[in-house]
Amino acid sequence: MRILHTADWHLGRTLYHKTRYEEFGQFLDWLLAAVQEHAIDALLVAGDVFDTTAPSNKAQGLYYGFLSELRKTCCRHVVITAGNHDSPTFLEAPRKLLKSFDVHVIGNVPQPIEKEVILLRDGHGDPELIVCAVPYLRDHEIRISEAGESLEAKEKKLREGIESHYAKVAAAAVQLRDSLPARIPIVAMGHLFTAGGETAEGDGVRSLYVGNLAHVESQIFPPCFDYVALGHLHVPQTVGNSETIRYSGSPIPMGFGEAGQKKSVCIVDWSDETQKLELLKVPLFQKLAQIKGDWPEIEAHLDALIQTSESTWLEVVYQGSQPMPDLRERVEKRLEGTSLESLRNINFQQRAQTLSLENPTENLQELDEREVFQRCLIRSQIPEEQWSDLKAAYQEILTQYHEEDPQAH
């Protein structure tokens, strides 16, 4: 039995003003070829298929076109779970139709939750894999909110709720396996944030609950799981130094902070009762580059990139000590007639001046939501001992707001 674990496609995502449908299409074409080349039996997609709860027609076309073409390959099964960016009801709408093609979709937590446990059978009808297809667990699905409860009580309930959920599906999976004539692997899926998880600047990954709550430890996953396929963090990585608990990461760089990062998908192979894991490198379909420094350093970097004649999208960050009010014009003039395009120019020297002066014309696009809130606390002369509770309440509002509209800023 051979599975391929991927996640965080974010179909429909843009990078500033640039649409990325061509990149997504190239990745999905590559994935189809990889499935066939590596004789994949089951494809697992651990959340954030789409970037928004209301994906565009083009994004939907890429998704359904991929599933249609996948039927022509050797892949027998597909299991897809919802992430925090996905609409659970949207993903599940064609569930019955997709199931007839061995595509299993879990968007919401089903009742009973044991329905998340999916038994996959081979071409002869024999059991070959059990998948605990756990989607992104939303706050209201794993804890009961009580008026006046403390931040610590919320955190405790969230972690206990996530752990309890995995314990229940694990118990159901073991009971199912024990009823079968042969021992087969159990794979769990999840879309969550683990403690110590690595993120990248500008990748769009945010906390799923209030503040940094429910950053779970690897110990919440019962030992009966032979492999845990995770989504949400875009950097490919293991959890708790365990080779069998992994984030596949996003297949393409989601922001300039991921420029130069190696992307991959995970292939897990069970044969002769042994488990082998391979990371399959995903090609780079659109080069991104982040350039930082004073103007001579930026110009030197630009010249080096121009020499490669490779299509590249840039983020230019000016960090010089001298004012550079014409940064944008300089960059555009230098790139004229080349295969390079600057999508974002950040003038830190100018920004430092406006921040120190608190200029009302300051560019909000360069400020994080939490930074704006911090500025309000200072300006309103709120005592620092009250900041912690106010920031936690503000983060809770942000989390609920982003759940309703994942693209909101």
Protein backbone atom coordinates (compact mmCIF):
# COMPACT_ATOMS: atom_id res chain seq x y z
CA MET A 1 0.00 0.00 0.00
CA ARG A 2 1.44 3.37 -1.02
CA ILE A 3 -0.03 6.75 -0.10
CA LEU A 4 0.86 10.30 -1.09
CA HIS A 5 0.28 13.00 1.54
CA THR A 6 -0.19 16.61 0.48
CA ALA A 7 -2.00 19.65 1.88
CA ASP A 8 -2.46 23.42 1.72
CA TRP A 9 -2.99 23.85 -2.00
CA HIS A 10 -4.84 27.16 -1.45
CA LEU A 11 -6.28 27.10 -4.96
CA GLY A 12 -7.27 30.62 -5.97
CA ARG A 13 -4.74 32.40 -3.79
CA THR A 14 -3.21 35.58 -5.16
CA LEU A 15 0.14 37.18 -4.38
CA TYR A 16 -0.60 40.88 -4.08
CA HIS A 17 -2.13 41.70 -7.49
CA LYS A 18 -0.96 38.50 -9.20
CA THR A 19 -3.27 35.54 -9.81
CA ARG A 20 -1.56 32.15 -9.66
CA TYR A 21 -3.84 29.83 -11.62
CA GLU A 22 -1.04 28.87 -13.99
CA GLU A 23 1.16 27.76 -11.08
CA PHE A 24 -1.67 25.77 -9.49
CA GLY A 25 -2.45 24.10 -12.81
CA GLN A 26 1.20 23.18 -13.32
CA PHE A 27 1.39 21.71 -9.82
CA LEU A 28 -1.73 19.60 -10.31
CA ASP A 29 -0.43 18.34 -13.67
CA TRP A 30 2.86 17.43 -11.97
CA LEU A 31 0.96 15.69 -9.15
CA LEU A 32 -0.99 13.57 -11.63
CA ALA A 33 2.26 12.46 -13.25
CA ALA A 34 3.84 11.78 -9.84
CA VAL A 35 0.89 9.63 -8.77
CA GLN A 36 1.27 7.49 -11.87
CA GLU A 37 5.07 7.36 -11.81
CA HIS A 38 5.24 6.31 -8.15
CA ALA A 39 2.27 3.91 -8.31
CA ILE A 40 0.27 5.73 -5.63
CA ASP A 41 -2.73 3.80 -4.29
CA ALA A 42 -4.27 6.56 -2.15
CA LEU A 43 -3.98 10.35 -2.18
CA LEU A 44 -4.54 12.22 1.12
CA VAL A 45 -5.18 15.99 1.07
CA ALA A 46 -5.06 17.39 4.62
CA GLY A 47 -7.03 20.61 4.32
CA ASP A 48 -6.98 24.07 2.73
CA VAL A 49 -7.80 22.83 -0.75
CA PHE A 50 -9.04 26.34 -1.54
CA ASP A 51 -7.84 29.70 -0.27
CA THR A 52 -11.33 31.07 0.45
CA THR A 53 -14.70 29.73 1.50
CA ALA A 54 -16.13 30.92 -1.84
CA PRO A 55 -13.56 29.84 -4.45
CA SER A 56 -13.65 31.26 -7.96
CA ASN A 57 -14.89 29.28 -10.95
CA LYS A 58 -11.28 28.88 -12.11
CA ALA A 59 -10.21 27.45 -8.76
CA GLN A 60 -13.15 25.04 -8.77
CA GLY A 61 -12.35 24.05 -12.35
CA LEU A 62 -8.78 23.16 -11.38
CA TYR A 63 -10.01 21.06 -8.44
CA TYR A 64 -12.69 19.08 -10.24
CA GLY A 65 -10.57 18.77 -13.38
CA PHE A 66 -7.78 17.24 -11.29
CA LEU A 67 -10.12 14.74 -9.63
CA SER A 68 -11.49 13.77 -13.04
CA GLU A 69 -8.02 13.16 -14.47
CA LEU A 70 -6.93 11.30 -11.33
CA ARG A 71 -9.47 8.58 -12.12
CA LYS A 72 -7.41 7.69 -15.19
CA THR A 73 -4.34 6.90 -13.06
CA CYS A 74 -3.48 3.96 -10.82
CA CYS A 75 -4.72 5.85 -7.73
CA ARG A 76 -7.68 3.95 -6.24
CA HIS A 77 -8.66 6.28 -3.41
CA VAL A 78 -8.69 9.96 -2.50
CA VAL A 79 -9.39 11.29 1.01
CA ILE A 80 -9.87 15.06 1.37
CA THR A 81 -10.45 16.92 4.63
CA ALA A 82 -11.37 20.58 5.14
CA GLY A 83 -8.92 23.13 6.48
CA ASN A 84 -9.61 26.44 8.17
CA HIS A 85 -9.66 28.23 4.79
CA ASP A 86 -12.21 25.82 3.31
CA SER A 87 -15.98 25.93 3.52
CA PRO A 88 -16.96 22.55 5.00
CA THR A 89 -20.39 22.64 3.39
CA PHE A 90 -18.96 23.63 0.00
CA LEU A 91 -16.48 20.76 0.04
CA GLU A 92 -19.12 18.27 1.16
CA ALA A 93 -21.82 19.36 -1.31
CA PRO A 94 -20.83 16.77 -3.98
CA ARG A 95 -19.74 14.18 -1.39
CA LYS A 96 -22.17 11.42 -2.41
CA LEU A 97 -21.28 11.79 -6.07
CA LEU A 98 -17.54 11.84 -5.36
CA LYS A 99 -17.78 8.81 -3.08
CA SER A 100 -18.98 6.73 -6.03
CA PHE A 101 -15.55 7.46 -7.55
CA ASP A 102 -13.73 6.52 -4.30
CA VAL A 103 -13.19 10.17 -3.39
CA HIS A 104 -14.00 10.62 0.30
CA VAL A 105 -14.60 14.17 1.57
CA ILE A 106 -14.91 15.15 5.24
CA GLY A 107 -15.68 18.84 5.77
CA ASN A 108 -17.61 19.00 9.03
CA VAL A 109 -17.24 16.74 12.04
CA PRO A 110 -19.85 14.02 11.39
CA GLN A 111 -22.19 12.53 13.94
CA PRO A 112 -21.18 10.15 15.27
CA ILE A 113 -17.55 11.12 14.81
CA GLU A 114 -16.70 7.46 14.15
CA LYS A 115 -17.85 8.21 10.58
CA GLU A 116 -14.47 9.88 10.14
CA VAL A 117 -12.95 6.39 10.15
CA ILE A 118 -12.78 5.24 6.52
CA LEU A 119 -11.89 1.71 5.43
CA LEU A 120 -10.22 1.54 2.01
CA ARG A 121 -10.26 -1.70 0.01
CA ASP A 122 -8.07 -2.89 -2.84
CA GLY A 123 -9.19 -3.98 -6.30
CA HIS A 124 -10.18 -7.39 -4.95
CA GLY A 125 -12.32 -5.97 -2.18
CA ASP A 126 -9.82 -6.76 0.57
CA PRO A 127 -9.15 -4.14 3.29
CA GLU A 128 -5.85 -2.31 2.76
CA LEU A 129 -5.90 0.91 4.82
CA ILE A 130 -7.86 2.64 7.58
CA VAL A 131 -7.92 6.45 7.44
CA CYS A 132 -9.02 8.62 10.36
CA ALA A 133 -10.04 11.62 8.27
CA VAL A 134 -10.16 14.39 10.89
CA PRO A 135 -10.91 17.85 9.40
CA TYR A 136 -10.06 21.20 10.94
CA LEU A 137 -11.79 21.13 14.32
CA ARG A 138 -13.62 24.39 14.82
CA ASP A 139 -13.90 25.90 18.27
CA HIS A 140 -17.62 25.16 18.72
CA GLU A 141 -17.08 21.52 17.71
CA ILE A 142 -14.64 20.72 20.50
CA ARG A 143 -15.60 22.87 23.46
CA ILE A 144 -18.64 24.46 25.10
CA SER A 145 -18.15 28.15 25.72
CA GLU A 146 -19.09 29.50 29.14
CA ALA A 147 -19.59 33.12 30.10
CA GLY A 148 -16.76 34.61 32.09
CA GLU A 149 -14.34 31.72 31.66
CA SER A 150 -10.67 32.60 31.75
CA LEU A 151 -8.20 32.37 28.90
CA GLU A 152 -6.53 29.46 30.70
CA ALA A 153 -9.86 27.60 30.95
CA LYS A 154 -10.48 28.09 27.21
CA GLU A 155 -7.00 26.79 26.42
CA LYS A 156 -7.49 23.73 28.61
CA LYS A 157 -10.85 22.93 27.01
CA LEU A 158 -9.52 23.34 23.47
CA ARG A 159 -6.58 21.02 24.02
CA GLU A 160 -8.70 18.47 25.85
CA GLY A 161 -11.29 18.65 23.07
CA ILE A 162 -8.73 17.98 20.33
CA GLU A 163 -7.12 15.16 22.30
CA SER A 164 -10.49 13.59 23.09
CA HIS A 165 -11.52 13.74 19.43
CA TYR A 166 -8.40 11.89 18.28
CA ALA A 167 -8.77 9.35 21.09
CA LYS A 168 -12.32 8.52 19.99
CA VAL A 169 -11.50 8.08 16.30
CA ALA A 170 -8.39 6.07 17.20
CA ALA A 171 -10.45 3.72 19.37
CA ALA A 172 -12.95 3.25 16.54
CA ALA A 173 -10.12 2.58 14.08
CA VAL A 174 -8.51 -0.04 16.32
CA GLN A 175 -11.86 -1.74 16.89
CA LEU A 176 -12.40 -1.86 13.13
CA ARG A 177 -8.90 -3.23 12.48
CA ASP A 178 -9.32 -5.91 15.15
CA SER A 179 -12.41 -7.15 13.32
CA LEU A 180 -10.49 -7.66 10.07
CA PRO A 181 -8.72 -10.88 9.07
CA ALA A 182 -5.33 -9.14 8.63
CA ARG A 183 -3.55 -6.24 10.33
CA ILE A 184 -3.54 -3.17 8.10
CA PRO A 185 -2.06 0.32 8.69
CA ILE A 186 -3.99 3.14 10.34
CA VAL A 187 -3.35 6.68 9.07
CA ALA A 188 -4.69 9.81 10.76
CA MET A 189 -5.22 13.19 9.15
CA GLY A 190 -5.42 16.59 10.76
CA HIS A 191 -5.39 20.32 10.13
CA LEU A 192 -3.97 22.01 13.22
CA PHE A 193 -1.06 23.95 14.71
CA THR A 194 1.49 21.97 16.70
CA ALA A 195 3.67 23.42 19.43
CA GLY A 196 7.02 24.54 18.08
CA GLY A 197 5.81 24.33 14.49
CA GLU A 198 7.89 26.31 12.00
CA THR A 199 6.24 29.01 9.88
CA ALA A 200 7.57 31.47 7.30
CA GLU A 201 7.14 35.23 7.05
CA GLY A 202 4.16 36.21 4.92
CA ASP A 203 2.88 32.65 4.40
CA GLY A 204 -0.62 33.50 5.61
CA VAL A 205 -0.55 30.89 8.39
CA ARG A 206 -2.28 32.13 11.52
CA SER A 207 -3.35 30.77 14.88
CA LEU A 208 -6.52 28.72 14.58
CA TYR A 209 -8.00 29.62 17.95
CA VAL A 210 -7.68 32.41 20.51
CA GLY A 211 -4.13 33.75 20.57
CA ASN A 212 -1.69 30.85 20.55
CA LEU A 213 -4.08 28.42 22.17
CA ALA A 214 -4.32 24.77 21.17
CA HIS A 215 -0.82 24.51 19.76
CA VAL A 216 -0.94 20.80 20.46
CA GLU A 217 1.87 18.42 21.35
CA SER A 218 2.63 15.28 19.35
CA GLN A 219 1.51 13.20 22.35
CA ILE A 220 -2.15 13.85 21.53
CA PHE A 221 -1.88 11.38 18.64
CA PRO A 222 -2.48 7.82 19.93
CA PRO A 223 0.32 5.30 19.24
CA CYS A 224 -1.97 3.15 17.09
CA PHE A 225 -1.48 5.64 14.22
CA ASP A 226 1.14 4.31 11.81
CA TYR A 227 1.34 7.73 10.12
CA VAL A 228 -0.17 11.17 10.79
CA ALA A 229 -0.73 13.36 7.72
CA LEU A 230 -1.03 16.99 8.78
CA GLY A 231 -1.91 20.26 7.09
CA HIS A 232 -1.92 23.97 8.03
CA LEU A 233 1.79 24.79 8.36
CA HIS A 234 3.37 25.54 4.99
CA VAL A 235 6.93 24.52 5.87
CA PRO A 236 7.51 20.76 5.34
CA GLN A 237 8.46 19.38 8.76
CA THR A 238 8.16 16.63 11.33
CA VAL A 239 6.37 16.98 14.66
CA GLY A 240 8.08 16.14 17.93
CA ASN A 241 11.06 14.63 16.05
CA SER A 242 8.79 11.86 14.82
CA GLU A 243 9.32 10.82 11.21
CA THR A 244 5.76 9.46 11.08
CA ILE A 245 4.00 12.68 12.17
CA ARG A 246 4.47 15.21 9.40
CA TYR A 247 3.34 18.37 7.69
CA SER A 248 3.69 17.98 3.94
CA GLY A 249 3.76 21.78 3.63
CA SER A 250 2.29 23.84 0.81
CA PRO A 251 3.26 22.76 -2.71
CA ILE A 252 4.10 26.27 -3.91
CA PRO A 253 5.53 29.25 -1.97
CA MET A 254 2.59 31.22 -0.57
CA GLY A 255 4.59 34.36 0.20
CA PHE A 256 8.01 35.91 -0.23
CA GLY A 257 9.05 34.57 3.16
CA GLU A 258 8.97 31.12 1.53
CA ALA A 259 11.16 32.15 -1.40
CA GLY A 260 13.92 29.58 -1.81
CA GLN A 261 12.19 27.06 0.44
CA LYS A 262 12.21 23.47 -0.83
CA LYS A 263 8.68 22.16 -1.31
CA SER A 264 7.75 18.49 -1.21
CA VAL A 265 5.01 15.89 -0.79
CA CYS A 266 5.28 12.75 1.35
CA ILE A 267 5.08 9.21 0.03
CA VAL A 268 4.55 6.44 2.59
CA ASP A 269 4.94 2.83 1.50
CA TRP A 270 3.95 -0.28 3.44
CA SER A 271 5.33 -3.54 2.09
CA ASP A 272 6.45 -6.72 3.85
CA GLU A 273 5.12 -5.20 7.10
CA THR A 274 7.70 -2.42 6.94
CA GLN A 275 7.11 1.30 6.47
CA LYS A 276 9.21 3.49 4.20
CA LEU A 277 8.90 7.25 3.82
CA GLU A 278 10.12 9.36 0.92
CA LEU A 279 9.96 13.11 0.40
CA LEU A 280 9.28 13.89 -3.24
CA LYS A 281 10.50 17.34 -4.27
CA VAL A 282 7.94 19.59 -5.97
CA PRO A 283 9.34 21.63 -8.88
CA LEU A 284 9.35 25.43 -8.67
CA PHE A 285 6.80 26.78 -11.14
CA GLN A 286 7.27 30.51 -10.48
CA LYS A 287 10.43 31.88 -8.91
CA LEU A 288 10.08 34.35 -6.03
CA ALA A 289 12.89 36.44 -4.56
CA GLN A 290 13.11 38.76 -1.59
CA ILE A 291 15.83 41.44 -1.81
CA LYS A 292 16.93 43.43 1.24
CA GLY A 293 19.56 46.09 1.86
CA ASP A 294 20.55 49.63 0.94
CA TRP A 295 20.31 50.79 -2.66
CA PRO A 296 23.75 49.56 -3.84
CA GLU A 297 22.98 46.11 -2.37
CA ILE A 298 19.53 46.04 -3.95
CA GLU A 299 20.93 47.12 -7.32
CA ALA A 300 23.60 44.40 -7.19
CA HIS A 301 20.98 41.75 -6.39
CA LEU A 302 18.79 42.98 -9.23
CA ASP A 303 21.67 42.87 -11.69
CA ALA A 304 22.48 39.28 -10.69
CA LEU A 305 18.86 38.19 -11.16
CA ILE A 306 18.60 39.98 -14.49
CA GLN A 307 21.61 38.00 -15.74
CA THR A 308 19.72 34.73 -15.17
CA SER A 309 16.95 35.79 -17.58
CA GLU A 310 14.56 33.77 -15.40
CA SER A 311 11.02 35.01 -14.79
CA THR A 312 11.02 36.19 -11.17
CA TRP A 313 8.56 38.00 -8.92
CA LEU A 314 10.27 40.28 -6.40
CA GLU A 315 9.74 41.84 -3.01
CA VAL A 316 12.23 44.69 -2.54
CA VAL A 317 12.92 45.84 1.03
CA TYR A 318 14.97 49.04 1.36
CA GLN A 319 16.91 49.16 4.63
CA GLY A 320 19.33 52.00 3.93
CA SER A 321 20.04 54.89 6.32
CA GLN A 322 19.37 57.61 3.72
CA PRO A 323 15.84 58.57 2.63
CA MET A 324 14.74 56.86 -0.58
CA PRO A 325 11.38 58.44 -1.52
CA ASP A 326 11.71 57.29 -5.14
CA LEU A 327 12.36 53.60 -4.35
CA ARG A 328 9.49 52.36 -6.46
CA GLU A 329 10.48 54.44 -9.47
CA ARG A 330 14.12 53.31 -9.23
CA VAL A 331 13.17 49.63 -9.07
CA GLU A 332 10.72 49.87 -11.96
CA LYS A 333 13.26 51.70 -14.14
CA ARG A 334 15.93 49.10 -13.38
CA LEU A 335 13.58 46.22 -14.25
CA GLU A 336 12.21 47.73 -17.45
CA GLY A 337 12.54 45.31 -20.34
CA THR A 338 13.61 42.38 -18.12
CA SER A 339 11.89 39.16 -17.03
CA LEU A 340 11.71 40.44 -13.45
CA GLU A 341 8.70 42.11 -11.86
CA SER A 342 8.53 43.73 -8.42
CA LEU A 343 5.21 43.00 -6.75
CA ARG A 344 5.98 44.85 -3.54
CA ASN A 345 8.42 47.59 -2.51
CA ILE A 346 8.90 48.25 1.21
CA ASN A 347 10.73 51.37 2.33
CA PHE A 348 11.76 50.69 5.93
CA GLN A 349 13.66 53.95 6.24
CA GLN A 350 10.56 55.90 5.29
CA ARG A 351 8.41 53.65 7.45
CA ALA A 352 10.62 54.22 10.50
CA GLN A 353 10.16 57.97 10.10
CA THR A 354 6.37 57.78 9.81
CA LEU A 355 6.12 55.39 12.77
CA SER A 356 8.16 57.62 15.02
CA LEU A 357 6.10 60.63 14.00
CA GLU A 358 2.80 58.64 14.01
CA ASN A 359 1.92 60.29 10.73
CA PRO A 360 -1.82 59.87 10.01
CA THR A 361 -0.98 59.16 6.35
CA GLU A 362 0.97 56.01 7.31
CA ASN A 363 0.39 53.07 4.96
CA LEU A 364 -1.83 50.54 6.74
CA GLN A 365 -0.79 47.78 4.32
CA GLU A 366 2.57 47.78 6.06
CA LEU A 367 1.04 47.36 9.53
CA ASP A 368 -0.12 44.11 11.12
CA GLU A 369 -3.59 44.12 12.72
CA ARG A 370 -2.02 43.49 16.12
CA GLU A 371 0.42 46.37 15.60
CA VAL A 372 -2.47 48.75 14.95
CA PHE A 373 -4.22 47.51 18.10
CA GLN A 374 -1.01 47.98 20.11
CA ARG A 375 -0.80 51.54 18.78
CA CYS A 376 -4.36 52.17 19.96
CA LEU A 377 -3.57 50.86 23.45
CA ILE A 378 -0.59 53.21 23.73
CA ARG A 379 -2.41 56.21 22.30
CA SER A 380 -5.39 55.61 24.61
CA GLN A 381 -3.00 55.35 27.60
CA ILE A 382 -4.37 51.97 28.64
CA PRO A 383 -2.39 50.61 31.64
CA GLU A 384 -0.03 47.81 30.58
CA GLU A 385 -1.46 45.40 33.17
CA GLN A 386 -4.72 45.41 31.15
CA TRP A 387 -3.07 44.70 27.78
CA SER A 388 -2.97 40.92 28.06
CA ASP A 389 -6.74 40.45 28.49
CA LEU A 390 -7.56 43.09 25.86
CA LYS A 391 -5.20 41.54 23.32
CA ALA A 392 -6.69 38.09 23.96
CA ALA A 393 -10.21 39.43 23.40
CA TYR A 394 -9.09 41.23 20.25
CA GLN A 395 -7.45 38.05 18.94
CA GLU A 396 -10.67 36.12 19.54
CA ILE A 397 -12.56 38.67 17.44
CA LEU A 398 -9.92 38.42 14.69
CA THR A 399 -10.09 34.62 14.69
CA GLN A 400 -13.89 34.62 14.30
CA TYR A 401 -13.66 37.29 11.59
CA HIS A 402 -11.06 35.35 9.59
CA GLU A 403 -13.06 32.12 9.90
CA GLU A 404 -15.94 33.88 8.16
CA ASP A 405 -13.63 35.39 5.52
CA PRO A 406 -10.14 33.78 5.32
CA GLN A 407 -8.92 36.47 2.91
CA ALA A 408 -9.85 39.33 5.20
CA HIS A 409 -7.01 41.59 6.35
